[in-house]
Every structure is written in C-alpha cells, then in structure tokens.
C-alpha cells in the first residue's frame, strides 16, 4: 500500500481496536462530534517533515501523529480518582505490549510502506487541552507516533 497519512492512521486504528477494553478507534478523518462510548481513540496529525533525498519528487517523509485514548469521564465513579485511575492506568502497558510486538511492527511496516514505525511516547492524564472532548474532561492517555517512509 501507499505511504499516506490515511493508510498509516487506519492501520494503527485497526490495531488499537484489537486491544482488550477499547470500544472504538476512529479511522482517518472520522473523529466523532460527541463521544458516546468509551474507551475510544481519536487521532490527529500535528506535524510532518519532508526531506528531499535526491532529485525533485524523491522524498523522505516522516509523520508524527497523536492518538488520544479517552477512557472515562473525570466524574465517573463519583469523581473518585482512585476508581478512575484503576480503569485508566493499565492502558499504557496495553499499548506498549501491542506496539512493541515484533510481529505487529513487521506487519504494519509492510502494510504502510514504511521503513520506521514506533510508538514514541505515552502520557497519562486527566482533563487539560487534549483530554477534554466537547466540554467533558476525561481520564486517559495521549500517545505519540513516528512513521518514516521507505
């Protein structure tokens, strides 16, 4: 397949949907207006870099994008952080387990037409700019990805 933002994001979303407990991971340009089921993942691509390799139209493209996992609204379980954290914190390990697996990485590299693919970081949090959706604060994770074209 071609190395495109849409292809890369859709392949990652499919893998995220296979993680135990995840209800949905939205495909490219399909983020919902309102989150009605969770845990769910939305995506956006905040940055890319393009470096010329030789002549014009030969490029090394690197995509950096963000997956945001909304696990529970902050006020779930009466707002008692202890109960909310018990539901949210294990997802960091689930993401590492899934996306540090050699079979998963090999398949994604092949299907993306990429030479590098990795989960760069994951940040747990509650509320704030990225963990708020349509006025509702969530507990969840913000994951950063880097993918480089072949």
C-alpha atoms as a PDB file:
ATOM      1  CA  UNK A   1       0.000   0.000   0.000  1.00  0.00           C
ATOM      2  CA  UNK A   2       0.979   3.604  -0.449  1.00  0.00           C
ATOM      3  CA  UNK A   3       2.652   5.564   2.330  1.00  0.00           C
ATOM      4  CA  UNK A   4      -0.082   8.037   3.255  1.00  0.00           C
ATOM      5  CA  UNK A   5      -1.425   9.589   6.427  1.00  0.00           C
ATOM      6  CA  UNK A   6      -4.776   7.896   5.854  1.00  0.00           C
ATOM      7  CA  UNK A   7      -3.313   4.423   5.374  1.00  0.00           C
ATOM      8  CA  UNK A   8      -0.989   4.703   8.392  1.00  0.00           C
ATOM      9  CA  UNK A   9      -3.667   6.019  10.707  1.00  0.00           C
ATOM     10  CA  UNK A  10      -6.265   3.438   9.621  1.00  0.00           C
ATOM     11  CA  UNK A  11      -3.806   0.577  10.167  1.00  0.00           C
ATOM     12  CA  UNK A  12      -2.947   1.817  13.654  1.00  0.00           C
ATOM     13  CA  UNK A  13      -6.630   2.359  14.474  1.00  0.00           C
ATOM     14  CA  UNK A  14      -7.360  -1.257  13.499  1.00  0.00           C
ATOM     15  CA  UNK A  15      -4.634  -2.465  15.873  1.00  0.00           C
ATOM     16  CA  UNK A  16      -5.940  -0.213  18.655  1.00  0.00           C
ATOM     17  CA  UNK A  17      -9.451  -1.656  18.218  1.00  0.00           C
ATOM     18  CA  UNK A  18      -7.968  -5.101  18.912  1.00  0.00           C
ATOM     19  CA  UNK A  19      -6.703  -4.049  22.359  1.00  0.00           C
ATOM     20  CA  UNK A  20      -8.824  -5.511  25.165  1.00  0.00           C
ATOM     21  CA  UNK A  21     -11.241  -2.944  26.544  1.00  0.00           C
ATOM     22  CA  UNK A  22     -11.120  -0.481  23.617  1.00  0.00           C
ATOM     23  CA  UNK A  23     -14.628   0.093  22.216  1.00  0.00           C
ATOM     24  CA  UNK A  24     -13.548   2.092  19.157  1.00  0.00           C
ATOM     25  CA  UNK A  25     -10.566   3.705  17.486  1.00  0.00           C
ATOM     26  CA  UNK A  26     -11.756   6.091  14.805  1.00  0.00           C
ATOM     27  CA  UNK A  27     -10.314   5.897  11.315  1.00  0.00           C
ATOM     28  CA  UNK A  28      -8.782   8.781   9.369  1.00  0.00           C
ATOM     29  CA  UNK A  29     -10.967  11.913   9.395  1.00  0.00           C
ATOM     30  CA  UNK A  30     -13.766  10.064  11.242  1.00  0.00           C
ATOM     31  CA  UNK A  31     -13.462  11.613  14.723  1.00  0.00           C
ATOM     32  CA  UNK A  32     -16.950  11.970  16.237  1.00  0.00           C
ATOM     33  CA  UNK A  33     -18.722  15.149  17.330  1.00  0.00           C
ATOM     34  CA  UNK A  34     -19.571  13.578  20.694  1.00  0.00           C
ATOM     35  CA  UNK A  35     -18.077  10.580  22.480  1.00  0.00           C
ATOM     36  CA  UNK A  36     -20.888   8.209  23.394  1.00  0.00           C
ATOM     37  CA  UNK A  37     -18.888   5.055  24.052  1.00  0.00           C
ATOM     38  CA  UNK A  38     -15.563   4.702  25.741  1.00  0.00           C
ATOM     39  CA  UNK A  39     -12.753   3.809  25.979  1.00  0.00           C
ATOM     40  CA  UNK A  40     -12.216   5.160  22.477  1.00  0.00           C
ATOM     41  CA  UNK A  41      -9.367   6.679  20.488  1.00  0.00           C
ATOM     42  CA  UNK A  42      -9.288   9.699  18.201  1.00  0.00           C
ATOM     43  CA  UNK A  43      -6.331  10.808  16.083  1.00  0.00           C
ATOM     44  CA  UNK A  44      -4.810  13.874  14.539  1.00  0.00           C
ATOM     45  CA  UNK A  45      -1.617  14.613  12.646  1.00  0.00           C
ATOM     46  CA  UNK A  46       0.012  17.711  14.115  1.00  0.00           C
ATOM     47  CA  UNK A  47       3.236  17.577  12.125  1.00  0.00           C
ATOM     48  CA  UNK A  48       5.163  16.045   9.261  1.00  0.00           C
ATOM     49  CA  UNK A  49       8.612  16.625   7.821  1.00  0.00           C
ATOM     50  CA  UNK A  50       9.671  16.130   4.220  1.00  0.00           C
ATOM     51  CA  UNK A  51      13.336  15.894   3.291  1.00  0.00           C
ATOM     52  CA  UNK A  52      14.481  15.742  -0.341  1.00  0.00           C
ATOM     53  CA  UNK A  53      16.653  12.688  -0.990  1.00  0.00           C
ATOM     54  CA  UNK A  54      17.999  13.183  -4.479  1.00  0.00           C
ATOM     55  CA  UNK A  55      16.222  14.916  -7.318  1.00  0.00           C
ATOM     56  CA  UNK A  56      12.854  16.604  -7.099  1.00  0.00           C
ATOM     57  CA  UNK A  57       9.962  14.299  -6.225  1.00  0.00           C
ATOM     58  CA  UNK A  58      12.162  11.869  -4.250  1.00  0.00           C
ATOM     59  CA  UNK A  59      11.385  12.452  -0.590  1.00  0.00           C
ATOM     60  CA  UNK A  60      11.845  11.014   2.851  1.00  0.00           C
ATOM     61  CA  UNK A  61       8.604  11.743   4.674  1.00  0.00           C
ATOM     62  CA  UNK A  62       8.191  11.477   8.413  1.00  0.00           C
ATOM     63  CA  UNK A  63       4.739  11.596  10.001  1.00  0.00           C
ATOM     64  CA  UNK A  64       4.263  12.500  13.632  1.00  0.00           C
ATOM     65  CA  UNK A  65       0.800  11.982  14.914  1.00  0.00           C
ATOM     66  CA  UNK A  66      -1.174  11.702  18.095  1.00  0.00           C
ATOM     67  CA  UNK A  67      -3.663   9.122  19.359  1.00  0.00           C
ATOM     68  CA  UNK A  68      -5.795  10.225  22.280  1.00  0.00           C
ATOM     69  CA  UNK A  69      -7.387   7.463  24.360  1.00  0.00           C
ATOM     70  CA  UNK A  70     -10.452   8.644  26.284  1.00  0.00           C
ATOM     71  CA  UNK A  71     -11.106   6.038  28.970  1.00  0.00           C
ATOM     72  CA  UNK A  72     -13.580   7.550  31.451  1.00  0.00           C
ATOM     73  CA  UNK A  73     -15.125  10.946  32.101  1.00  0.00           C
ATOM     74  CA  UNK A  74     -13.471  12.603  35.068  1.00  0.00           C
ATOM     75  CA  UNK A  75     -16.734  12.487  37.007  1.00  0.00           C
ATOM     76  CA  UNK A  76     -17.183   8.716  36.574  1.00  0.00           C
ATOM     77  CA  UNK A  77     -17.392   6.738  39.828  1.00  0.00           C
ATOM     78  CA  UNK A  78     -18.500   9.923  41.602  1.00  0.00           C
ATOM     79  CA  UNK A  79     -15.257  11.630  40.594  1.00  0.00           C
ATOM     80  CA  UNK A  80     -13.211   9.421  42.930  1.00  0.00           C
ATOM     81  CA  UNK A  81      -9.829   9.438  41.258  1.00  0.00           C
ATOM     82  CA  UNK A  82      -8.796   6.127  42.829  1.00  0.00           C
ATOM     83  CA  UNK A  83     -11.525   4.251  40.946  1.00  0.00           C
ATOM     84  CA  UNK A  84     -10.979   6.145  37.712  1.00  0.00           C
ATOM     85  CA  UNK A  85      -7.200   5.557  37.787  1.00  0.00           C
ATOM     86  CA  UNK A  86      -7.713   1.818  38.313  1.00  0.00           C
ATOM     87  CA  UNK A  87      -9.524   1.739  34.960  1.00  0.00           C
ATOM     88  CA  UNK A  88      -7.177   4.077  33.072  1.00  0.00           C
ATOM     89  CA  UNK A  89      -3.591   3.328  34.087  1.00  0.00           C
ATOM     90  CA  UNK A  90      -3.400  -0.262  32.664  1.00  0.00           C
ATOM     91  CA  UNK A  91      -3.899   1.035  29.113  1.00  0.00           C
ATOM     92  CA  UNK A  92      -0.316   2.345  28.967  1.00  0.00           C
ATOM     93  CA  UNK A  93       1.012  -1.176  29.361  1.00  0.00           C
ATOM     94  CA  UNK A  94      -1.541  -2.484  26.859  1.00  0.00           C
ATOM     95  CA  UNK A  95      -0.312  -0.006  24.225  1.00  0.00           C
ATOM     96  CA  UNK A  96       3.333  -0.878  24.856  1.00  0.00           C
ATOM     97  CA  UNK A  97       2.567  -4.579  24.697  1.00  0.00           C
ATOM     98  CA  UNK A  98       0.710  -4.235  21.399  1.00  0.00           C
ATOM     99  CA  UNK A  99       3.036  -1.804  19.658  1.00  0.00           C
ATOM    100  CA  UNK A 100       6.355  -3.244  20.841  1.00  0.00           C
ATOM    101  CA  UNK A 101       5.492  -6.666  19.439  1.00  0.00           C
ATOM    102  CA  UNK A 102       7.796  -7.620  16.542  1.00  0.00           C
ATOM    103  CA  UNK A 103       5.008  -9.309  14.548  1.00  0.00           C
ATOM    104  CA  UNK A 104       2.722  -6.269  14.834  1.00  0.00           C
ATOM    105  CA  UNK A 105       5.546  -3.900  13.870  1.00  0.00           C
ATOM    106  CA  UNK A 106       6.676  -6.038  10.917  1.00  0.00           C
ATOM    107  CA  UNK A 107       3.123  -6.275   9.571  1.00  0.00           C
ATOM    108  CA  UNK A 108       2.485  -2.553   9.996  1.00  0.00           C
ATOM    109  CA  UNK A 109       5.767  -1.600   8.299  1.00  0.00           C
ATOM    110  CA  UNK A 110       4.901  -3.809   5.337  1.00  0.00           C
ATOM    111  CA  UNK A 111       1.305  -2.584   5.061  1.00  0.00           C
ATOM    112  CA  UNK A 112       2.281   1.087   5.468  1.00  0.00           C
ATOM    113  CA  UNK A 113       5.184   1.037   3.042  1.00  0.00           C
ATOM    114  CA  UNK A 114       7.313   2.463   5.859  1.00  0.00           C
ATOM    115  CA  UNK A 115      10.915   1.888   6.938  1.00  0.00           C
ATOM    116  CA  UNK A 116      10.399   3.033  10.549  1.00  0.00           C
ATOM    117  CA  UNK A 117       7.377   2.888  12.804  1.00  0.00           C
ATOM    118  CA  UNK A 118       7.305   3.332  16.525  1.00  0.00           C
ATOM    119  CA  UNK A 119       5.231   4.380  19.476  1.00  0.00           C
ATOM    120  CA  UNK A 120       7.286   7.335  20.644  1.00  0.00           C
ATOM    121  CA  UNK A 121       5.618   8.125  23.978  1.00  0.00           C
ATOM    122  CA  UNK A 122       2.522   7.823  26.125  1.00  0.00           C
ATOM    123  CA  UNK A 123       1.321  10.320  28.703  1.00  0.00           C
ATOM    124  CA  UNK A 124      -1.353   9.552  31.302  1.00  0.00           C
ATOM    125  CA  UNK A 125      -3.551  12.438  32.341  1.00  0.00           C
ATOM    126  CA  UNK A 126      -6.872  13.846  33.450  1.00  0.00           C
ATOM    127  CA  UNK A 127      -8.512  16.763  31.648  1.00  0.00           C
ATOM    128  CA  UNK A 128      -6.487  19.502  30.040  1.00  0.00           C
ATOM    129  CA  UNK A 129      -6.392  20.565  26.423  1.00  0.00           C
ATOM    130  CA  UNK A 130      -6.159  17.103  24.824  1.00  0.00           C
ATOM    131  CA  UNK A 131      -8.147  15.024  27.329  1.00  0.00           C
ATOM    132  CA  UNK A 132     -11.247  17.177  27.055  1.00  0.00           C
ATOM    133  CA  UNK A 133     -13.807  16.452  24.363  1.00  0.00           C
ATOM    134  CA  UNK A 134     -16.886  18.535  23.666  1.00  0.00           C
ATOM    135  CA  UNK A 135     -16.681  20.098  27.130  1.00  0.00           C
ATOM    136  CA  UNK A 136     -16.272  16.786  29.002  1.00  0.00           C
ATOM    137  CA  UNK A 137     -12.997  16.128  30.841  1.00  0.00           C
ATOM    138  CA  UNK A 138     -11.688  12.594  30.521  1.00  0.00           C
ATOM    139  CA  UNK A 139      -9.035  10.447  32.122  1.00  0.00           C
ATOM    140  CA  UNK A 140      -6.892   8.791  29.518  1.00  0.00           C
ATOM    141  CA  UNK A 141      -3.662   8.616  27.582  1.00  0.00           C
ATOM    142  CA  UNK A 142      -2.027  10.681  24.855  1.00  0.00           C
ATOM    143  CA  UNK A 143       0.227   8.598  22.587  1.00  0.00           C
ATOM    144  CA  UNK A 144       2.757   9.984  20.101  1.00  0.00           C
ATOM    145  CA  UNK A 145       3.812   8.101  16.945  1.00  0.00           C
ATOM    146  CA  UNK A 146       6.595   8.489  14.405  1.00  0.00           C
ATOM    147  CA  UNK A 147       6.454   6.831  10.987  1.00  0.00           C
ATOM    148  CA  UNK A 148       9.055   7.265   8.232  1.00  0.00           C
ATOM    149  CA  UNK A 149       8.534   6.409   4.565  1.00  0.00           C
ATOM    150  CA  UNK A 150      10.559   3.675   2.890  1.00  0.00           C
END
